[in-house]
Amino acid sequence: MKCDSKDISGKKCKGAIDEAAKEIAAGNLIVYPTETVYGIGADIFNESAVKKLFLAKSRPFDMALSVGVSDRKMMESIAVLDENADKLVKAFLPGPLTIIIEKKPDVPDLVTSMSKKVGIRIPDHEVAIEIIKRTGPIVATSANLHSHPDATDIDSAVKDLGDSVSLYVNSGPSRLKKPSTIVWIMNGQVEIVRQGAITIKDIEEVLRC
């Protein structure tokens, strides 16, 4: 279904967002747009749906999944923000940054591959935000088969994932066409796990403040 973020209040876009929320609530998988690459989503609290997502991507179960939230309040409902995380959230989110921080106990171990940390971000894309507002936290990993190139358009996602996904929400080519930067925060220390759209220099400057 098409949903142009420039027409987020339009009938077609509202219909796509509503349908995406229904599919998530039903335990199904969706593909949705973000500013970085297209993501494949499932309700993080529905372990059956999360298992389907691992299988759809042919992703090893020992590789943790990141989580998308719509705002800081939703983030704090599933994770614990320390001082460094707070600085990064204020500086970069919504945006192309995933922060790995301590998870709340109710986040299933399946999502985090038994880790007590969870990778979490707020996408800078109105369509993604509107979907997540309706569904609650969803998986935010890239919509591709494991080890394949990231999907920066809907056709690439369909080619890789096919019928394993119940609904594809098409908002045109991804704006940034590169994945989020991933930052690991542990005991006050910060490690760059993956260089993405935000640079190491940008992050270091914020943390020095």
Protein backbone atom coordinates (compact mmCIF):
# COMPACT_ATOMS: atom_id res chain seq x y z
CA MET A 1 0.00 0.00 0.00
CA LYS A 2 1.26 3.49 -0.85
CA CYS A 3 1.66 6.15 1.82
CA ASP A 4 3.52 9.35 0.96
CA SER A 5 4.77 11.05 4.13
CA LYS A 6 3.95 14.41 2.49
CA ASP A 7 0.29 13.37 2.56
CA ILE A 8 0.23 11.73 6.00
CA SER A 9 -3.32 12.93 6.69
CA GLY A 10 -4.66 11.79 3.32
CA LYS A 11 -7.22 8.99 3.05
CA LYS A 12 -4.87 6.58 1.26
CA CYS A 13 -2.08 7.09 3.79
CA LYS A 14 -4.40 6.79 6.79
CA GLY A 15 -5.72 3.56 5.34
CA ALA A 16 -2.22 2.13 4.92
CA ILE A 17 -1.24 3.07 8.48
CA ASP A 18 -4.44 1.61 9.93
CA GLU A 19 -3.95 -1.60 7.96
CA ALA A 20 -0.33 -1.87 9.11
CA ALA A 21 -1.42 -1.52 12.74
CA LYS A 22 -4.07 -4.25 12.26
CA GLU A 23 -1.50 -6.64 10.79
CA ILE A 24 0.89 -6.05 13.71
CA ALA A 25 -1.95 -6.62 16.21
CA ALA A 26 -2.80 -9.87 14.41
CA GLY A 27 0.75 -11.17 14.91
CA ASN A 28 1.81 -10.65 11.32
CA LEU A 29 4.83 -8.97 9.72
CA ILE A 30 4.89 -5.66 7.88
CA VAL A 31 7.50 -3.75 5.92
CA TYR A 32 7.51 -0.02 6.61
CA PRO A 33 9.57 3.03 5.58
CA THR A 34 12.13 4.89 7.66
CA GLU A 35 14.56 7.65 6.77
CA THR A 36 17.45 5.16 6.67
CA VAL A 37 16.27 1.93 4.99
CA TYR A 38 13.00 -0.02 4.91
CA GLY A 39 12.32 -1.99 8.08
CA ILE A 40 10.50 -5.24 8.78
CA GLY A 41 8.24 -4.95 11.80
CA ALA A 42 6.51 -7.15 14.34
CA ASP A 43 5.08 -6.65 17.83
CA ILE A 44 8.08 -7.15 20.16
CA PHE A 45 5.82 -8.64 22.85
CA ASN A 46 4.40 -11.31 20.51
CA GLU A 47 7.12 -13.98 20.54
CA SER A 48 5.41 -16.00 17.81
CA ALA A 49 5.54 -12.96 15.50
CA VAL A 50 9.17 -12.29 16.42
CA LYS A 51 10.07 -15.90 15.58
CA LYS A 52 8.34 -15.49 12.21
CA LEU A 53 10.46 -12.42 11.58
CA PHE A 54 13.72 -14.26 12.32
CA LEU A 55 12.66 -17.02 9.94
CA ALA A 56 11.50 -14.60 7.22
CA LYS A 57 14.91 -12.93 7.23
CA SER A 58 16.83 -16.21 7.68
CA ARG A 59 18.46 -14.37 10.57
CA PRO A 60 20.31 -16.34 13.27
CA PHE A 61 18.42 -16.33 16.57
CA ASP A 62 21.57 -15.24 18.40
CA MET A 63 21.57 -11.88 16.57
CA ALA A 64 19.51 -9.40 18.59
CA LEU A 65 16.85 -7.26 16.94
CA SER A 66 16.57 -3.50 17.32
CA VAL A 67 13.32 -1.85 18.37
CA GLY A 68 11.51 1.20 17.00
CA VAL A 69 9.51 3.52 19.27
CA SER A 70 7.52 6.66 18.53
CA ASP A 71 8.80 8.95 21.29
CA ARG A 72 10.86 9.21 24.47
CA LYS A 73 7.95 8.09 26.69
CA MET A 74 7.63 4.82 24.76
CA MET A 75 11.40 4.39 24.88
CA GLU A 76 11.41 4.72 28.66
CA SER A 77 8.64 2.12 28.91
CA ILE A 78 11.03 -0.59 27.65
CA ALA A 79 14.53 0.72 28.44
CA VAL A 80 16.55 2.57 31.09
CA LEU A 81 18.19 5.81 29.99
CA ASP A 82 21.42 6.89 31.70
CA GLU A 83 23.08 10.31 31.37
CA ASN A 84 24.89 9.52 28.11
CA ALA A 85 21.82 7.95 26.56
CA ASP A 86 19.80 11.00 27.57
CA LYS A 87 22.27 13.32 25.80
CA LEU A 88 22.14 11.24 22.62
CA VAL A 89 18.34 11.05 22.62
CA LYS A 90 18.04 14.82 22.98
CA ALA A 91 20.63 15.47 20.26
CA PHE A 92 19.77 12.90 17.60
CA LEU A 93 16.31 11.38 18.03
CA PRO A 94 14.14 11.16 16.05
CA GLY A 95 16.93 10.27 13.67
CA PRO A 96 19.34 7.63 12.33
CA LEU A 97 20.80 6.51 15.67
CA THR A 98 20.24 3.21 17.48
CA ILE A 99 21.23 3.24 21.16
CA ILE A 100 21.92 -0.06 22.94
CA ILE A 101 20.93 0.40 26.58
CA GLU A 102 19.55 -1.58 29.52
CA LYS A 103 16.16 -3.11 28.77
CA LYS A 104 13.15 -3.33 31.08
CA PRO A 105 12.34 -6.89 32.32
CA ASP A 106 9.20 -7.28 30.21
CA VAL A 107 11.09 -7.04 26.90
CA PRO A 108 11.29 -10.67 25.70
CA ASP A 109 14.74 -12.27 25.69
CA LEU A 110 13.97 -13.55 22.19
CA VAL A 111 14.15 -9.96 20.88
CA THR A 112 17.51 -9.27 22.51
CA SER A 113 18.98 -12.77 22.09
CA MET A 114 19.15 -13.19 25.87
CA SER A 115 20.99 -9.89 26.36
CA LYS A 116 19.89 -7.52 29.12
CA LYS A 117 20.40 -4.66 26.65
CA VAL A 118 18.14 -3.53 23.82
CA GLY A 119 18.92 -1.51 20.70
CA ILE A 120 16.33 1.20 20.36
CA ARG A 121 15.62 4.21 18.15
CA ILE A 122 12.99 6.72 17.05
CA PRO A 123 12.78 6.83 13.23
CA ASP A 124 12.71 10.27 11.62
CA HIS A 125 9.85 9.34 9.31
CA GLU A 126 6.22 10.35 9.83
CA VAL A 127 4.79 7.13 8.41
CA ALA A 128 6.90 4.96 10.71
CA ILE A 129 6.03 7.14 13.71
CA GLU A 130 2.29 6.99 13.00
CA ILE A 131 2.38 3.20 12.69
CA ILE A 132 4.32 2.80 15.95
CA LYS A 133 1.98 5.18 17.78
CA ARG A 134 -0.82 2.72 17.01
CA THR A 135 1.10 -0.51 17.65
CA GLY A 136 3.54 0.21 20.46
CA PRO A 137 7.20 -0.84 20.12
CA ILE A 138 7.98 -2.88 17.00
CA VAL A 139 11.02 -4.60 15.57
CA ALA A 140 13.15 -2.16 13.57
CA THR A 141 15.59 -4.36 11.68
CA SER A 142 16.19 -3.95 7.95
CA ALA A 143 13.70 -5.49 5.49
CA ASN A 144 16.06 -7.90 3.74
CA LEU A 145 17.32 -11.44 3.94
CA HIS A 146 20.22 -11.89 6.32
CA SER A 147 23.52 -10.82 4.70
CA HIS A 148 21.72 -9.28 1.70
CA PRO A 149 21.99 -5.52 0.94
CA ASP A 150 19.67 -3.25 2.90
CA ALA A 151 16.38 -2.42 1.19
CA THR A 152 16.28 1.26 0.28
CA ASP A 153 13.10 0.87 -1.77
CA ILE A 154 10.01 -1.29 -1.52
CA ASP A 155 10.84 -3.47 -4.54
CA SER A 156 14.06 -4.68 -2.92
CA ALA A 157 12.16 -5.65 0.22
CA VAL A 158 9.49 -7.52 -1.77
CA LYS A 159 12.17 -9.37 -3.76
CA ASP A 160 13.82 -10.63 -0.57
CA LEU A 161 10.83 -11.25 1.71
CA GLY A 162 7.92 -12.02 -0.63
CA ASP A 163 4.83 -13.61 0.92
CA SER A 164 6.38 -13.92 4.38
CA VAL A 165 5.27 -10.30 4.94
CA SER A 166 1.54 -9.54 5.17
CA LEU A 167 1.71 -5.87 4.23
CA TYR A 168 4.21 -3.61 2.47
CA VAL A 169 3.88 0.14 3.09
CA ASN A 170 5.50 2.02 0.21
CA SER A 171 6.66 5.59 0.82
CA GLY A 172 9.14 5.83 -2.03
CA PRO A 173 12.96 5.53 -1.88
CA SER A 174 14.61 5.91 1.52
CA ARG A 175 15.92 9.42 2.13
CA LEU A 176 19.33 8.55 3.59
CA LYS A 177 19.87 5.15 1.94
CA LYS A 178 22.20 4.00 4.70
CA PRO A 179 21.51 2.33 8.06
CA SER A 180 21.49 4.01 11.45
CA THR A 181 24.63 4.41 13.50
CA ILE A 182 24.62 1.96 16.43
CA VAL A 183 25.99 3.05 19.81
CA TRP A 184 26.54 0.70 22.79
CA ILE A 185 26.36 2.28 26.25
CA MET A 186 27.70 0.20 29.15
CA ASN A 187 28.55 1.48 32.65
CA GLY A 188 28.91 5.02 31.36
CA GLN A 189 31.21 3.98 28.51
CA VAL A 190 30.21 4.48 24.88
CA GLU A 191 31.26 2.28 21.96
CA ILE A 192 30.41 2.78 18.29
CA VAL A 193 29.16 -0.60 17.07
CA ARG A 194 28.31 0.48 13.51
CA GLN A 195 29.10 3.68 11.67
CA GLY A 196 26.00 4.82 9.84
CA ALA A 197 24.34 8.10 8.94
CA ILE A 198 25.58 9.86 12.10
CA THR A 199 29.37 10.17 12.46
CA ILE A 200 31.53 9.21 15.41
CA LYS A 201 32.66 12.84 15.59
CA ASP A 202 29.03 14.01 15.93
CA ILE A 203 28.47 11.61 18.83
CA GLU A 204 31.70 12.48 20.61
CA GLU A 205 30.91 16.20 20.42
CA VAL A 206 27.51 15.69 22.07
CA LEU A 207 28.90 13.49 24.85
CA ARG A 208 31.60 16.04 25.71
CA CYS A 209 28.97 18.66 26.53
